C-alpha atoms as a PDB file:
ATOM      1  CA  UNK A   1     -25.341  13.397  28.945  1.00  0.00           C
ATOM      2  CA  UNK A   2     -23.114  10.800  27.264  1.00  0.00           C
ATOM      3  CA  UNK A   3     -19.594  11.034  28.672  1.00  0.00           C
ATOM      4  CA  UNK A   4     -17.888   7.792  27.547  1.00  0.00           C
ATOM      5  CA  UNK A   5     -17.724   5.329  24.703  1.00  0.00           C
ATOM      6  CA  UNK A   6     -19.426   2.664  26.817  1.00  0.00           C
ATOM      7  CA  UNK A   7     -22.414   4.936  27.479  1.00  0.00           C
ATOM      8  CA  UNK A   8     -22.670   5.767  23.785  1.00  0.00           C
ATOM      9  CA  UNK A   9     -22.562   2.083  22.845  1.00  0.00           C
ATOM     10  CA  UNK A  10     -25.203   1.288  25.464  1.00  0.00           C
ATOM     11  CA  UNK A  11     -27.483   4.020  24.114  1.00  0.00           C
ATOM     12  CA  UNK A  12     -27.022   2.815  20.527  1.00  0.00           C
ATOM     13  CA  UNK A  13     -27.895  -0.742  21.563  1.00  0.00           C
ATOM     14  CA  UNK A  14     -30.966   0.497  23.404  1.00  0.00           C
ATOM     15  CA  UNK A  15     -32.162   2.166  20.189  1.00  0.00           C
ATOM     16  CA  UNK A  16     -31.335  -0.859  18.063  1.00  0.00           C
ATOM     17  CA  UNK A  17     -28.536   0.866  16.141  1.00  0.00           C
ATOM     18  CA  UNK A  18     -25.672  -1.336  17.370  1.00  0.00           C
ATOM     19  CA  UNK A  19     -25.294  -5.075  17.724  1.00  0.00           C
ATOM     20  CA  UNK A  20     -24.952  -6.743  21.093  1.00  0.00           C
ATOM     21  CA  UNK A  21     -21.530  -8.007  22.061  1.00  0.00           C
ATOM     22  CA  UNK A  22     -18.137  -6.664  23.075  1.00  0.00           C
ATOM     23  CA  UNK A  23     -17.083  -3.273  21.847  1.00  0.00           C
ATOM     24  CA  UNK A  24     -15.025  -3.092  18.676  1.00  0.00           C
ATOM     25  CA  UNK A  25     -14.968  -5.160  15.556  1.00  0.00           C
ATOM     26  CA  UNK A  26     -14.779  -8.874  16.350  1.00  0.00           C
ATOM     27  CA  UNK A  27     -12.666  -9.542  13.283  1.00  0.00           C
ATOM     28  CA  UNK A  28     -10.116  -6.800  13.837  1.00  0.00           C
ATOM     29  CA  UNK A  29      -6.960  -6.828  15.882  1.00  0.00           C
ATOM     30  CA  UNK A  30      -7.295  -5.276  19.320  1.00  0.00           C
ATOM     31  CA  UNK A  31      -4.912  -2.564  20.331  1.00  0.00           C
ATOM     32  CA  UNK A  32      -1.953  -3.685  22.378  1.00  0.00           C
ATOM     33  CA  UNK A  33       0.463  -1.834  24.588  1.00  0.00           C
ATOM     34  CA  UNK A  34       3.554  -2.724  22.608  1.00  0.00           C
ATOM     35  CA  UNK A  35       5.496   0.171  21.012  1.00  0.00           C
ATOM     36  CA  UNK A  36       4.994   0.745  17.309  1.00  0.00           C
ATOM     37  CA  UNK A  37       8.600  -0.094  16.438  1.00  0.00           C
ATOM     38  CA  UNK A  38       8.271  -3.487  18.129  1.00  0.00           C
ATOM     39  CA  UNK A  39       5.163  -4.196  16.057  1.00  0.00           C
ATOM     40  CA  UNK A  40       7.044  -3.075  12.944  1.00  0.00           C
ATOM     41  CA  UNK A  41       9.924  -5.464  13.663  1.00  0.00           C
ATOM     42  CA  UNK A  42       7.542  -8.319  14.429  1.00  0.00           C
ATOM     43  CA  UNK A  43       5.647  -7.681  11.214  1.00  0.00           C
ATOM     44  CA  UNK A  44       8.847  -7.607   9.167  1.00  0.00           C
ATOM     45  CA  UNK A  45       9.972 -10.800  10.871  1.00  0.00           C
ATOM     46  CA  UNK A  46       6.661 -12.399   9.918  1.00  0.00           C
ATOM     47  CA  UNK A  47       7.195 -11.574   6.226  1.00  0.00           C
ATOM     48  CA  UNK A  48      10.789 -12.847   6.331  1.00  0.00           C
ATOM     49  CA  UNK A  49       9.658 -16.061   8.010  1.00  0.00           C
ATOM     50  CA  UNK A  50       6.907 -16.440   5.432  1.00  0.00           C
ATOM     51  CA  UNK A  51       9.358 -16.019   2.545  1.00  0.00           C
ATOM     52  CA  UNK A  52      11.738 -18.621   3.969  1.00  0.00           C
ATOM     53  CA  UNK A  53       8.834 -20.977   4.624  1.00  0.00           C
ATOM     54  CA  UNK A  54       7.670 -20.619   1.030  1.00  0.00           C
ATOM     55  CA  UNK A  55      11.191 -21.308  -0.254  1.00  0.00           C
ATOM     56  CA  UNK A  56      11.369 -24.417   1.930  1.00  0.00           C
ATOM     57  CA  UNK A  57       7.965 -25.667   0.738  1.00  0.00           C
ATOM     58  CA  UNK A  58       8.806 -25.186  -2.942  1.00  0.00           C
ATOM     59  CA  UNK A  59      12.213 -26.836  -2.524  1.00  0.00           C
ATOM     60  CA  UNK A  60      10.679 -29.784  -0.676  1.00  0.00           C
ATOM     61  CA  UNK A  61       7.637 -30.486  -2.854  1.00  0.00           C
ATOM     62  CA  UNK A  62       8.822 -28.894  -6.123  1.00  0.00           C
ATOM     63  CA  UNK A  63       5.371 -28.149  -7.565  1.00  0.00           C
ATOM     64  CA  UNK A  64       5.576 -28.153 -11.339  1.00  0.00           C
ATOM     65  CA  UNK A  65       2.599 -27.400 -13.516  1.00  0.00           C
ATOM     66  CA  UNK A  66      -0.799 -25.885 -12.937  1.00  0.00           C
ATOM     67  CA  UNK A  67      -2.288 -28.712 -10.843  1.00  0.00           C
ATOM     68  CA  UNK A  68       0.369 -28.829  -8.106  1.00  0.00           C
ATOM     69  CA  UNK A  69       0.519 -25.030  -7.996  1.00  0.00           C
ATOM     70  CA  UNK A  70      -3.241 -24.887  -7.440  1.00  0.00           C
ATOM     71  CA  UNK A  71      -3.017 -27.435  -4.613  1.00  0.00           C
ATOM     72  CA  UNK A  72      -0.149 -25.576  -2.959  1.00  0.00           C
ATOM     73  CA  UNK A  73      -2.054 -22.301  -3.258  1.00  0.00           C
ATOM     74  CA  UNK A  74      -5.152 -23.717  -1.577  1.00  0.00           C
ATOM     75  CA  UNK A  75      -3.027 -25.196   1.213  1.00  0.00           C
ATOM     76  CA  UNK A  76      -1.316 -21.841   1.791  1.00  0.00           C
ATOM     77  CA  UNK A  77      -4.669 -20.044   1.926  1.00  0.00           C
ATOM     78  CA  UNK A  78      -5.970 -22.591   4.422  1.00  0.00           C
ATOM     79  CA  UNK A  79      -2.816 -22.167   6.531  1.00  0.00           C
ATOM     80  CA  UNK A  80      -3.237 -18.383   6.468  1.00  0.00           C
ATOM     81  CA  UNK A  81      -6.861 -18.698   7.573  1.00  0.00           C
ATOM     82  CA  UNK A  82      -5.818 -20.984  10.431  1.00  0.00           C
ATOM     83  CA  UNK A  83      -3.127 -18.586  11.618  1.00  0.00           C
ATOM     84  CA  UNK A  84      -5.568 -15.671  11.556  1.00  0.00           C
ATOM     85  CA  UNK A  85      -8.043 -17.681  13.637  1.00  0.00           C
ATOM     86  CA  UNK A  86      -5.409 -18.748  16.158  1.00  0.00           C
ATOM     87  CA  UNK A  87      -3.904 -15.305  16.813  1.00  0.00           C
ATOM     88  CA  UNK A  88      -5.572 -12.120  15.623  1.00  0.00           C
ATOM     89  CA  UNK A  89      -3.556  -9.754  17.799  1.00  0.00           C
ATOM     90  CA  UNK A  90       0.027 -10.899  17.250  1.00  0.00           C
ATOM     91  CA  UNK A  91       1.951  -8.812  14.736  1.00  0.00           C
ATOM     92  CA  UNK A  92       4.274 -11.689  13.851  1.00  0.00           C
ATOM     93  CA  UNK A  93       1.577 -14.306  13.293  1.00  0.00           C
ATOM     94  CA  UNK A  94      -0.760 -11.986  11.394  1.00  0.00           C
ATOM     95  CA  UNK A  95       1.981 -10.821   9.017  1.00  0.00           C
ATOM     96  CA  UNK A  96       3.178 -14.400   8.525  1.00  0.00           C
ATOM     97  CA  UNK A  97      -0.387 -15.362   7.636  1.00  0.00           C
ATOM     98  CA  UNK A  98      -0.635 -12.383   5.284  1.00  0.00           C
ATOM     99  CA  UNK A  99       2.550 -13.438   3.473  1.00  0.00           C
ATOM    100  CA  UNK A 100       1.276 -17.004   3.107  1.00  0.00           C
ATOM    101  CA  UNK A 101      -2.064 -15.728   1.832  1.00  0.00           C
ATOM    102  CA  UNK A 102      -0.487 -13.495  -0.834  1.00  0.00           C
ATOM    103  CA  UNK A 103       1.690 -16.379  -2.048  1.00  0.00           C
ATOM    104  CA  UNK A 104      -1.297 -18.699  -2.044  1.00  0.00           C
ATOM    105  CA  UNK A 105      -3.354 -16.283  -4.126  1.00  0.00           C
ATOM    106  CA  UNK A 106      -0.618 -16.045  -6.755  1.00  0.00           C
ATOM    107  CA  UNK A 107      -0.318 -19.834  -6.848  1.00  0.00           C
ATOM    108  CA  UNK A 108      -4.090 -20.281  -7.253  1.00  0.00           C
ATOM    109  CA  UNK A 109      -4.262 -17.689 -10.024  1.00  0.00           C
ATOM    110  CA  UNK A 110      -1.330 -19.307 -11.816  1.00  0.00           C
ATOM    111  CA  UNK A 111      -2.866 -22.763 -11.552  1.00  0.00           C
ATOM    112  CA  UNK A 112      -6.302 -21.739 -12.782  1.00  0.00           C
ATOM    113  CA  UNK A 113      -4.966 -19.369 -15.443  1.00  0.00           C
ATOM    114  CA  UNK A 114      -2.550 -21.903 -16.877  1.00  0.00           C
ATOM    115  CA  UNK A 115      -5.304 -24.530 -17.000  1.00  0.00           C
ATOM    116  CA  UNK A 116      -8.320 -22.651 -18.345  1.00  0.00           C
ATOM    117  CA  UNK A 117      -7.185 -19.321 -19.799  1.00  0.00           C
ATOM    118  CA  UNK A 118      -4.468 -19.856 -22.344  1.00  0.00           C
ATOM    119  CA  UNK A 119      -4.236 -17.699 -25.442  1.00  0.00           C
ATOM    120  CA  UNK A 120      -6.957 -15.147 -26.124  1.00  0.00           C
ATOM    121  CA  UNK A 121      -8.631 -13.263 -23.298  1.00  0.00           C
ATOM    122  CA  UNK A 122      -6.074 -14.627 -20.865  1.00  0.00           C
ATOM    123  CA  UNK A 123      -5.829 -11.466 -18.780  1.00  0.00           C
ATOM    124  CA  UNK A 124      -9.606 -11.028 -18.632  1.00  0.00           C
ATOM    125  CA  UNK A 125     -10.095 -14.626 -17.505  1.00  0.00           C
ATOM    126  CA  UNK A 126      -7.469 -14.407 -14.786  1.00  0.00           C
ATOM    127  CA  UNK A 127      -8.934 -11.074 -13.654  1.00  0.00           C
ATOM    128  CA  UNK A 128     -12.360 -12.714 -13.325  1.00  0.00           C
ATOM    129  CA  UNK A 129     -10.920 -15.502 -11.179  1.00  0.00           C
ATOM    130  CA  UNK A 130      -9.027 -12.948  -9.080  1.00  0.00           C
ATOM    131  CA  UNK A 131     -12.222 -10.931  -8.570  1.00  0.00           C
ATOM    132  CA  UNK A 132     -14.164 -13.962  -7.335  1.00  0.00           C
ATOM    133  CA  UNK A 133     -11.252 -15.037  -5.129  1.00  0.00           C
ATOM    134  CA  UNK A 134     -10.866 -11.614  -3.508  1.00  0.00           C
ATOM    135  CA  UNK A 135     -14.582 -11.299  -2.780  1.00  0.00           C
ATOM    136  CA  UNK A 136     -14.487 -14.717  -1.112  1.00  0.00           C
ATOM    137  CA  UNK A 137     -11.429 -13.753   0.934  1.00  0.00           C
ATOM    138  CA  UNK A 138     -13.126 -10.567   2.162  1.00  0.00           C
ATOM    139  CA  UNK A 139     -15.737 -12.745   3.830  1.00  0.00           C
ATOM    140  CA  UNK A 140     -13.524 -15.667   4.847  1.00  0.00           C
ATOM    141  CA  UNK A 141     -10.310 -14.142   6.232  1.00  0.00           C
ATOM    142  CA  UNK A 142     -10.807 -12.895   9.836  1.00  0.00           C
ATOM    143  CA  UNK A 143      -8.287 -10.071   9.598  1.00  0.00           C
ATOM    144  CA  UNK A 144      -8.919  -6.367   9.064  1.00  0.00           C
ATOM    145  CA  UNK A 145      -5.823  -5.614   6.980  1.00  0.00           C
ATOM    146  CA  UNK A 146      -6.378  -8.659   4.795  1.00  0.00           C
ATOM    147  CA  UNK A 147      -9.966  -7.641   4.089  1.00  0.00           C
ATOM    148  CA  UNK A 148      -8.843  -4.150   3.139  1.00  0.00           C
ATOM    149  CA  UNK A 149      -6.208  -5.530   0.775  1.00  0.00           C
ATOM    150  CA  UNK A 150      -8.700  -7.986  -0.715  1.00  0.00           C
ATOM    151  CA  UNK A 151     -11.168  -5.166  -1.416  1.00  0.00           C
ATOM    152  CA  UNK A 152      -8.394  -3.155  -3.093  1.00  0.00           C
ATOM    153  CA  UNK A 153      -7.300  -6.154  -5.169  1.00  0.00           C
ATOM    154  CA  UNK A 154     -10.954  -6.782  -6.096  1.00  0.00           C
ATOM    155  CA  UNK A 155     -11.175  -3.236  -7.477  1.00  0.00           C
ATOM    156  CA  UNK A 156      -8.014  -3.798  -9.485  1.00  0.00           C
ATOM    157  CA  UNK A 157      -9.253  -7.149 -10.797  1.00  0.00           C
ATOM    158  CA  UNK A 158     -12.607  -5.625 -11.806  1.00  0.00           C
ATOM    159  CA  UNK A 159     -10.874  -2.796 -13.670  1.00  0.00           C
ATOM    160  CA  UNK A 160      -8.649  -5.254 -15.549  1.00  0.00           C
ATOM    161  CA  UNK A 161     -11.636  -7.477 -16.312  1.00  0.00           C
ATOM    162  CA  UNK A 162     -13.534  -4.595 -17.912  1.00  0.00           C
ATOM    163  CA  UNK A 163     -10.418  -3.244 -19.625  1.00  0.00           C
ATOM    164  CA  UNK A 164      -9.387  -6.499 -21.276  1.00  0.00           C
ATOM    165  CA  UNK A 165     -12.925  -7.828 -21.574  1.00  0.00           C
ATOM    166  CA  UNK A 166     -13.782  -5.031 -23.985  1.00  0.00           C
ATOM    167  CA  UNK A 167     -10.509  -5.193 -25.916  1.00  0.00           C
ATOM    168  CA  UNK A 168      -7.659  -7.611 -25.363  1.00  0.00           C
ATOM    169  CA  UNK A 169      -4.708  -5.408 -26.232  1.00  0.00           C
ATOM    170  CA  UNK A 170      -2.318  -3.196 -24.326  1.00  0.00           C
ATOM    171  CA  UNK A 171      -2.282  -0.265 -26.740  1.00  0.00           C
ATOM    172  CA  UNK A 172      -5.335   1.903 -27.341  1.00  0.00           C
ATOM    173  CA  UNK A 173      -3.809   4.565 -29.485  1.00  0.00           C
ATOM    174  CA  UNK A 174      -2.407   2.270 -32.159  1.00  0.00           C
ATOM    175  CA  UNK A 175       0.996   2.733 -33.747  1.00  0.00           C
ATOM    176  CA  UNK A 176       2.413   5.544 -35.843  1.00  0.00           C
ATOM    177  CA  UNK A 177       1.087   3.983 -39.018  1.00  0.00           C
ATOM    178  CA  UNK A 178      -2.156   2.592 -37.583  1.00  0.00           C
ATOM    179  CA  UNK A 179      -5.085   4.701 -36.404  1.00  0.00           C
ATOM    180  CA  UNK A 180      -6.609   4.295 -32.970  1.00  0.00           C
ATOM    181  CA  UNK A 181      -8.305   0.934 -32.649  1.00  0.00           C
ATOM    182  CA  UNK A 182     -11.172   2.115 -30.424  1.00  0.00           C
ATOM    183  CA  UNK A 183     -13.392   5.157 -30.289  1.00  0.00           C
ATOM    184  CA  UNK A 184     -13.599   7.676 -27.477  1.00  0.00           C
ATOM    185  CA  UNK A 185     -17.186   6.655 -26.744  1.00  0.00           C
ATOM    186  CA  UNK A 186     -16.293   2.991 -26.262  1.00  0.00           C
ATOM    187  CA  UNK A 187     -13.321   3.922 -24.092  1.00  0.00           C
ATOM    188  CA  UNK A 188     -15.442   6.193 -21.885  1.00  0.00           C
ATOM    189  CA  UNK A 189     -18.066   3.454 -21.625  1.00  0.00           C
ATOM    190  CA  UNK A 190     -15.401   1.057 -20.383  1.00  0.00           C
ATOM    191  CA  UNK A 191     -14.219   3.530 -17.750  1.00  0.00           C
ATOM    192  CA  UNK A 192     -17.792   4.118 -16.592  1.00  0.00           C
ATOM    193  CA  UNK A 193     -18.513   0.389 -16.330  1.00  0.00           C
ATOM    194  CA  UNK A 194     -15.339  -0.095 -14.300  1.00  0.00           C
ATOM    195  CA  UNK A 195     -15.623   2.723 -11.758  1.00  0.00           C
ATOM    196  CA  UNK A 196     -19.185   4.021 -11.526  1.00  0.00           C
ATOM    197  CA  UNK A 197     -20.340   0.806  -9.746  1.00  0.00           C
ATOM    198  CA  UNK A 198     -17.518   1.224  -7.217  1.00  0.00           C
ATOM    199  CA  UNK A 199     -18.528   4.829  -6.548  1.00  0.00           C
ATOM    200  CA  UNK A 200     -22.195   3.842  -6.292  1.00  0.00           C
ATOM    201  CA  UNK A 201     -21.362   1.050  -3.853  1.00  0.00           C
ATOM    202  CA  UNK A 202     -19.401   3.458  -1.658  1.00  0.00           C
ATOM    203  CA  UNK A 203     -22.314   5.907  -1.708  1.00  0.00           C
ATOM    204  CA  UNK A 204     -24.804   3.241  -0.616  1.00  0.00           C
ATOM    205  CA  UNK A 205     -22.521   1.863   2.108  1.00  0.00           C
ATOM    206  CA  UNK A 206     -21.765   5.326   3.530  1.00  0.00           C
ATOM    207  CA  UNK A 207     -25.465   6.255   3.716  1.00  0.00           C
ATOM    208  CA  UNK A 208     -26.456   2.912   5.232  1.00  0.00           C
ATOM    209  CA  UNK A 209     -23.755   2.864   7.903  1.00  0.00           C
ATOM    210  CA  UNK A 210     -26.197   2.669  10.876  1.00  0.00           C
ATOM    211  CA  UNK A 211     -27.921  -0.304   9.258  1.00  0.00           C
ATOM    212  CA  UNK A 212     -24.892  -2.519   8.741  1.00  0.00           C
ATOM    213  CA  UNK A 213     -23.483  -1.538  12.133  1.00  0.00           C
ATOM    214  CA  UNK A 214     -26.755  -2.581  13.772  1.00  0.00           C
ATOM    215  CA  UNK A 215     -26.561  -5.877  11.888  1.00  0.00           C
ATOM    216  CA  UNK A 216     -23.084  -6.538  13.285  1.00  0.00           C
ATOM    217  CA  UNK A 217     -21.345  -6.494   9.896  1.00  0.00           C
ATOM    218  CA  UNK A 218     -18.811  -3.774  10.665  1.00  0.00           C
ATOM    219  CA  UNK A 219     -15.979  -6.298  10.965  1.00  0.00           C
ATOM    220  CA  UNK A 220     -16.362  -7.080   7.250  1.00  0.00           C
ATOM    221  CA  UNK A 221     -17.864  -3.935   5.754  1.00  0.00           C
ATOM    222  CA  UNK A 222     -15.607  -1.292   7.303  1.00  0.00           C
ATOM    223  CA  UNK A 223     -12.265  -2.794   6.146  1.00  0.00           C
ATOM    224  CA  UNK A 224     -13.787  -3.483   2.726  1.00  0.00           C
ATOM    225  CA  UNK A 225     -14.901   0.149   2.453  1.00  0.00           C
ATOM    226  CA  UNK A 226     -11.334   1.286   3.139  1.00  0.00           C
ATOM    227  CA  UNK A 227     -10.095  -0.920   0.298  1.00  0.00           C
ATOM    228  CA  UNK A 228     -12.771   0.418  -2.053  1.00  0.00           C
ATOM    229  CA  UNK A 229     -11.829   4.010  -1.218  1.00  0.00           C
ATOM    230  CA  UNK A 230      -8.145   3.357  -1.903  1.00  0.00           C
ATOM    231  CA  UNK A 231      -9.072   1.552  -5.123  1.00  0.00           C
ATOM    232  CA  UNK A 232     -11.253   4.384  -6.391  1.00  0.00           C
ATOM    233  CA  UNK A 233      -8.520   6.919  -5.625  1.00  0.00           C
ATOM    234  CA  UNK A 234      -5.502   5.026  -6.956  1.00  0.00           C
ATOM    235  CA  UNK A 235      -6.424   1.946  -8.976  1.00  0.00           C
ATOM    236  CA  UNK A 236      -8.153   4.012 -11.681  1.00  0.00           C
ATOM    237  CA  UNK A 237      -4.720   4.104 -13.330  1.00  0.00           C
ATOM    238  CA  UNK A 238      -5.288   0.491 -14.420  1.00  0.00           C
ATOM    239  CA  UNK A 239      -8.128   1.499 -16.724  1.00  0.00           C
ATOM    240  CA  UNK A 240      -6.193   4.295 -18.414  1.00  0.00           C
ATOM    241  CA  UNK A 241      -4.685   3.829 -21.886  1.00  0.00           C
ATOM    242  CA  UNK A 242      -1.001   3.041 -21.619  1.00  0.00           C
ATOM    243  CA  UNK A 243      -0.321   5.768 -24.197  1.00  0.00           C
ATOM    244  CA  UNK A 244      -1.385   8.422 -21.690  1.00  0.00           C
ATOM    245  CA  UNK A 245       1.684   7.626 -19.581  1.00  0.00           C
ATOM    246  CA  UNK A 246       4.077   8.362 -22.455  1.00  0.00           C
ATOM    247  CA  UNK A 247       5.045  11.986 -22.098  1.00  0.00           C
ATOM    248  CA  UNK A 248       7.394  12.211 -25.032  1.00  0.00           C
ATOM    249  CA  UNK A 249       7.775  11.079 -28.613  1.00  0.00           C
ATOM    250  CA  UNK A 250       4.121  10.435 -29.500  1.00  0.00           C
ATOM    251  CA  UNK A 251       2.518  13.837 -29.246  1.00  0.00           C
ATOM    252  CA  UNK A 252       0.122  13.104 -32.095  1.00  0.00           C
ATOM    253  CA  UNK A 253      -1.525  10.511 -29.863  1.00  0.00           C
ATOM    254  CA  UNK A 254      -1.340  12.563 -26.673  1.00  0.00           C
ATOM    255  CA  UNK A 255      -3.031  15.557 -28.257  1.00  0.00           C
ATOM    256  CA  UNK A 256      -6.161  13.467 -28.762  1.00  0.00           C
ATOM    257  CA  UNK A 257      -8.519  12.224 -26.104  1.00  0.00           C
ATOM    258  CA  UNK A 258      -5.932  10.472 -23.922  1.00  0.00           C
ATOM    259  CA  UNK A 259      -5.626  13.476 -21.576  1.00  0.00           C
ATOM    260  CA  UNK A 260      -9.232  12.924 -20.444  1.00  0.00           C
ATOM    261  CA  UNK A 261      -8.270   9.924 -18.321  1.00  0.00           C
ATOM    262  CA  UNK A 262      -6.241  11.760 -15.652  1.00  0.00           C
ATOM    263  CA  UNK A 263      -9.157  14.154 -15.186  1.00  0.00           C
ATOM    264  CA  UNK A 264     -11.537  11.223 -14.774  1.00  0.00           C
ATOM    265  CA  UNK A 265      -9.155   9.706 -12.254  1.00  0.00           C
ATOM    266  CA  UNK A 266      -9.021  13.022 -10.374  1.00  0.00           C
ATOM    267  CA  UNK A 267     -12.828  13.101 -10.224  1.00  0.00           C
ATOM    268  CA  UNK A 268     -12.827   9.513  -8.954  1.00  0.00           C
ATOM    269  CA  UNK A 269     -10.297  10.498  -6.268  1.00  0.00           C
ATOM    270  CA  UNK A 270     -12.601  13.348  -5.207  1.00  0.00           C
ATOM    271  CA  UNK A 271     -15.463  10.859  -4.934  1.00  0.00           C
ATOM    272  CA  UNK A 272     -13.263   8.628  -2.789  1.00  0.00           C
ATOM    273  CA  UNK A 273     -12.426  11.730  -0.731  1.00  0.00           C
ATOM    274  CA  UNK A 274     -16.115  12.312  -0.045  1.00  0.00           C
ATOM    275  CA  UNK A 275     -16.529   8.691   1.045  1.00  0.00           C
ATOM    276  CA  UNK A 276     -13.456   8.881   3.305  1.00  0.00           C
ATOM    277  CA  UNK A 277     -14.778  12.083   4.879  1.00  0.00           C
ATOM    278  CA  UNK A 278     -18.180  10.466   5.427  1.00  0.00           C
ATOM    279  CA  UNK A 279     -16.457   7.539   7.168  1.00  0.00           C
ATOM    280  CA  UNK A 280     -14.535   9.972   9.387  1.00  0.00           C
ATOM    281  CA  UNK A 281     -11.093   8.664   8.415  1.00  0.00           C
ATOM    282  CA  UNK A 282      -8.537  11.482   8.273  1.00  0.00           C
ATOM    283  CA  UNK A 283      -5.721   9.293   6.968  1.00  0.00           C
ATOM    284  CA  UNK A 284      -7.814   8.137   4.010  1.00  0.00           C
ATOM    285  CA  UNK A 285      -8.938  11.716   3.394  1.00  0.00           C
ATOM    286  CA  UNK A 286      -5.332  12.898   3.141  1.00  0.00           C
ATOM    287  CA  UNK A 287      -4.463   9.994   0.854  1.00  0.00           C
ATOM    288  CA  UNK A 288      -7.337  10.879  -1.486  1.00  0.00           C
ATOM    289  CA  UNK A 289      -6.215  14.522  -1.620  1.00  0.00           C
ATOM    290  CA  UNK A 290      -2.689  13.444  -2.591  1.00  0.00           C
ATOM    291  CA  UNK A 291      -4.091  11.046  -5.214  1.00  0.00           C
ATOM    292  CA  UNK A 292      -6.216  13.822  -6.752  1.00  0.00           C
ATOM    293  CA  UNK A 293      -3.168  16.117  -6.952  1.00  0.00           C
ATOM    294  CA  UNK A 294      -1.144  13.354  -8.628  1.00  0.00           C
ATOM    295  CA  UNK A 295      -3.890  12.809 -11.212  1.00  0.00           C
ATOM    296  CA  UNK A 296      -4.069  16.548 -11.954  1.00  0.00           C
ATOM    297  CA  UNK A 297      -0.289  16.605 -12.416  1.00  0.00           C
ATOM    298  CA  UNK A 298      -0.600  13.640 -14.777  1.00  0.00           C
ATOM    299  CA  UNK A 299      -3.238  15.550 -16.731  1.00  0.00           C
ATOM    300  CA  UNK A 300      -0.841  18.480 -17.114  1.00  0.00           C
ATOM    301  CA  UNK A 301       1.887  16.291 -18.646  1.00  0.00           C
ATOM    302  CA  UNK A 302      -0.487  14.130 -20.718  1.00  0.00           C
ATOM    303  CA  UNK A 303      -2.114  17.061 -22.524  1.00  0.00           C
ATOM    304  CA  UNK A 304       0.524  17.218 -25.237  1.00  0.00           C
ATOM    305  CA  UNK A 305      -0.137  20.947 -25.783  1.00  0.00           C
ATOM    306  CA  UNK A 306       1.927  24.123 -25.635  1.00  0.00           C
ATOM    307  CA  UNK A 307       2.877  25.645 -22.290  1.00  0.00           C
ATOM    308  CA  UNK A 308       0.491  28.559 -22.882  1.00  0.00           C
ATOM    309  CA  UNK A 309      -2.493  26.252 -23.415  1.00  0.00           C
ATOM    310  CA  UNK A 310      -1.462  24.143 -20.433  1.00  0.00           C
ATOM    311  CA  UNK A 311      -1.218  27.236 -18.226  1.00  0.00           C
ATOM    312  CA  UNK A 312      -4.615  28.535 -19.326  1.00  0.00           C
ATOM    313  CA  UNK A 313      -6.194  25.120 -18.782  1.00  0.00           C
ATOM    314  CA  UNK A 314      -4.752  24.804 -15.287  1.00  0.00           C
ATOM    315  CA  UNK A 315      -5.960  28.325 -14.411  1.00  0.00           C
ATOM    316  CA  UNK A 316      -9.494  27.455 -15.500  1.00  0.00           C
ATOM    317  CA  UNK A 317      -9.356  24.136 -13.660  1.00  0.00           C
ATOM    318  CA  UNK A 318      -8.083  25.831 -10.496  1.00  0.00           C
ATOM    319  CA  UNK A 319     -10.824  28.464 -10.688  1.00  0.00           C
ATOM    320  CA  UNK A 320     -13.474  25.764 -11.012  1.00  0.00           C
ATOM    321  CA  UNK A 321     -12.084  23.904  -8.011  1.00  0.00           C
ATOM    322  CA  UNK A 322     -11.991  27.082  -5.924  1.00  0.00           C
ATOM    323  CA  UNK A 323     -15.584  27.854  -6.897  1.00  0.00           C
ATOM    324  CA  UNK A 324     -16.637  24.347  -5.934  1.00  0.00           C
ATOM    325  CA  UNK A 325     -14.824  24.641  -2.589  1.00  0.00           C
ATOM    326  CA  UNK A 326     -16.515  27.997  -1.899  1.00  0.00           C
ATOM    327  CA  UNK A 327     -19.912  26.524  -2.768  1.00  0.00           C
ATOM    328  CA  UNK A 328     -19.384  23.582  -0.420  1.00  0.00           C
ATOM    329  CA  UNK A 329     -18.231  25.893   2.373  1.00  0.00           C
ATOM    330  CA  UNK A 330     -21.301  28.107   1.956  1.00  0.00           C
ATOM    331  CA  UNK A 331     -23.551  25.072   1.893  1.00  0.00           C
ATOM    332  CA  UNK A 332     -22.042  23.668   5.085  1.00  0.00           C
ATOM    333  CA  UNK A 333     -22.221  26.924   7.040  1.00  0.00           C
ATOM    334  CA  UNK A 334     -25.351  27.471   9.203  1.00  0.00           C
END
């Protein structure tokens, strides 16, 4: 009978389902005995120190233009990588490195964007560079929180790339005197291209968990999965038409197909919920539930219909959700 974590790990290694080496993720921070409020103060001090260091660097070197900004950004990213390698457990050092990394990413994006992506398709080009950069940082940066944030930022960059790659404009619904510039079919295609690959990737990773754990990739894959789950639950807002967030004044637009997007986002949050449950993370599961409720509330206000129609729609939607919950409960029972 297995009575401890060490015995379980030994049994998994004997069956070839876990990699040899010390327990835990080699790239993550090990738990320390310091109180949480001390870690919080050290982390805040790291961000403050990083901000003052950035101010000092910019006052000393005064980078002007895209070229110097790109150089400064690469130097900051290299400094962040060095700090992560030197001390992976210290709250102060890790948060200082995180602050330097975030500043370096902005500097790199500004340098590349100002050099190569001026004028048309500027947002799509910068989003493409950000996507490549975040994927590289997931592999390169030896820090769990940084990898999670990079995966989340990669989701956001991918959504913006698809959004502005299909149409380079902020408004989808047009103006009062101009009809909608894009059809519902094209808009739904863009949403599917943006988020179905993310959901499919989460499905594959969740069902192949023993494989990548046995290969010793949990230090990279597990934090990245957390970022993908958060992205699928929250970052879907980036692919919604901006008109769907306007709850007053333009009801002729809101009564069209714009109310579909909050429902799609709610479905994406439920998919992220399934992935979080499969990974056994209660905190992520609760976050996905809250995100789904927020999206449903957004749907209620974005409908642009009478209160009677809204009430009837929410009753039907609630009944469908209750039926789905009952079906899942019956399916899970022995």
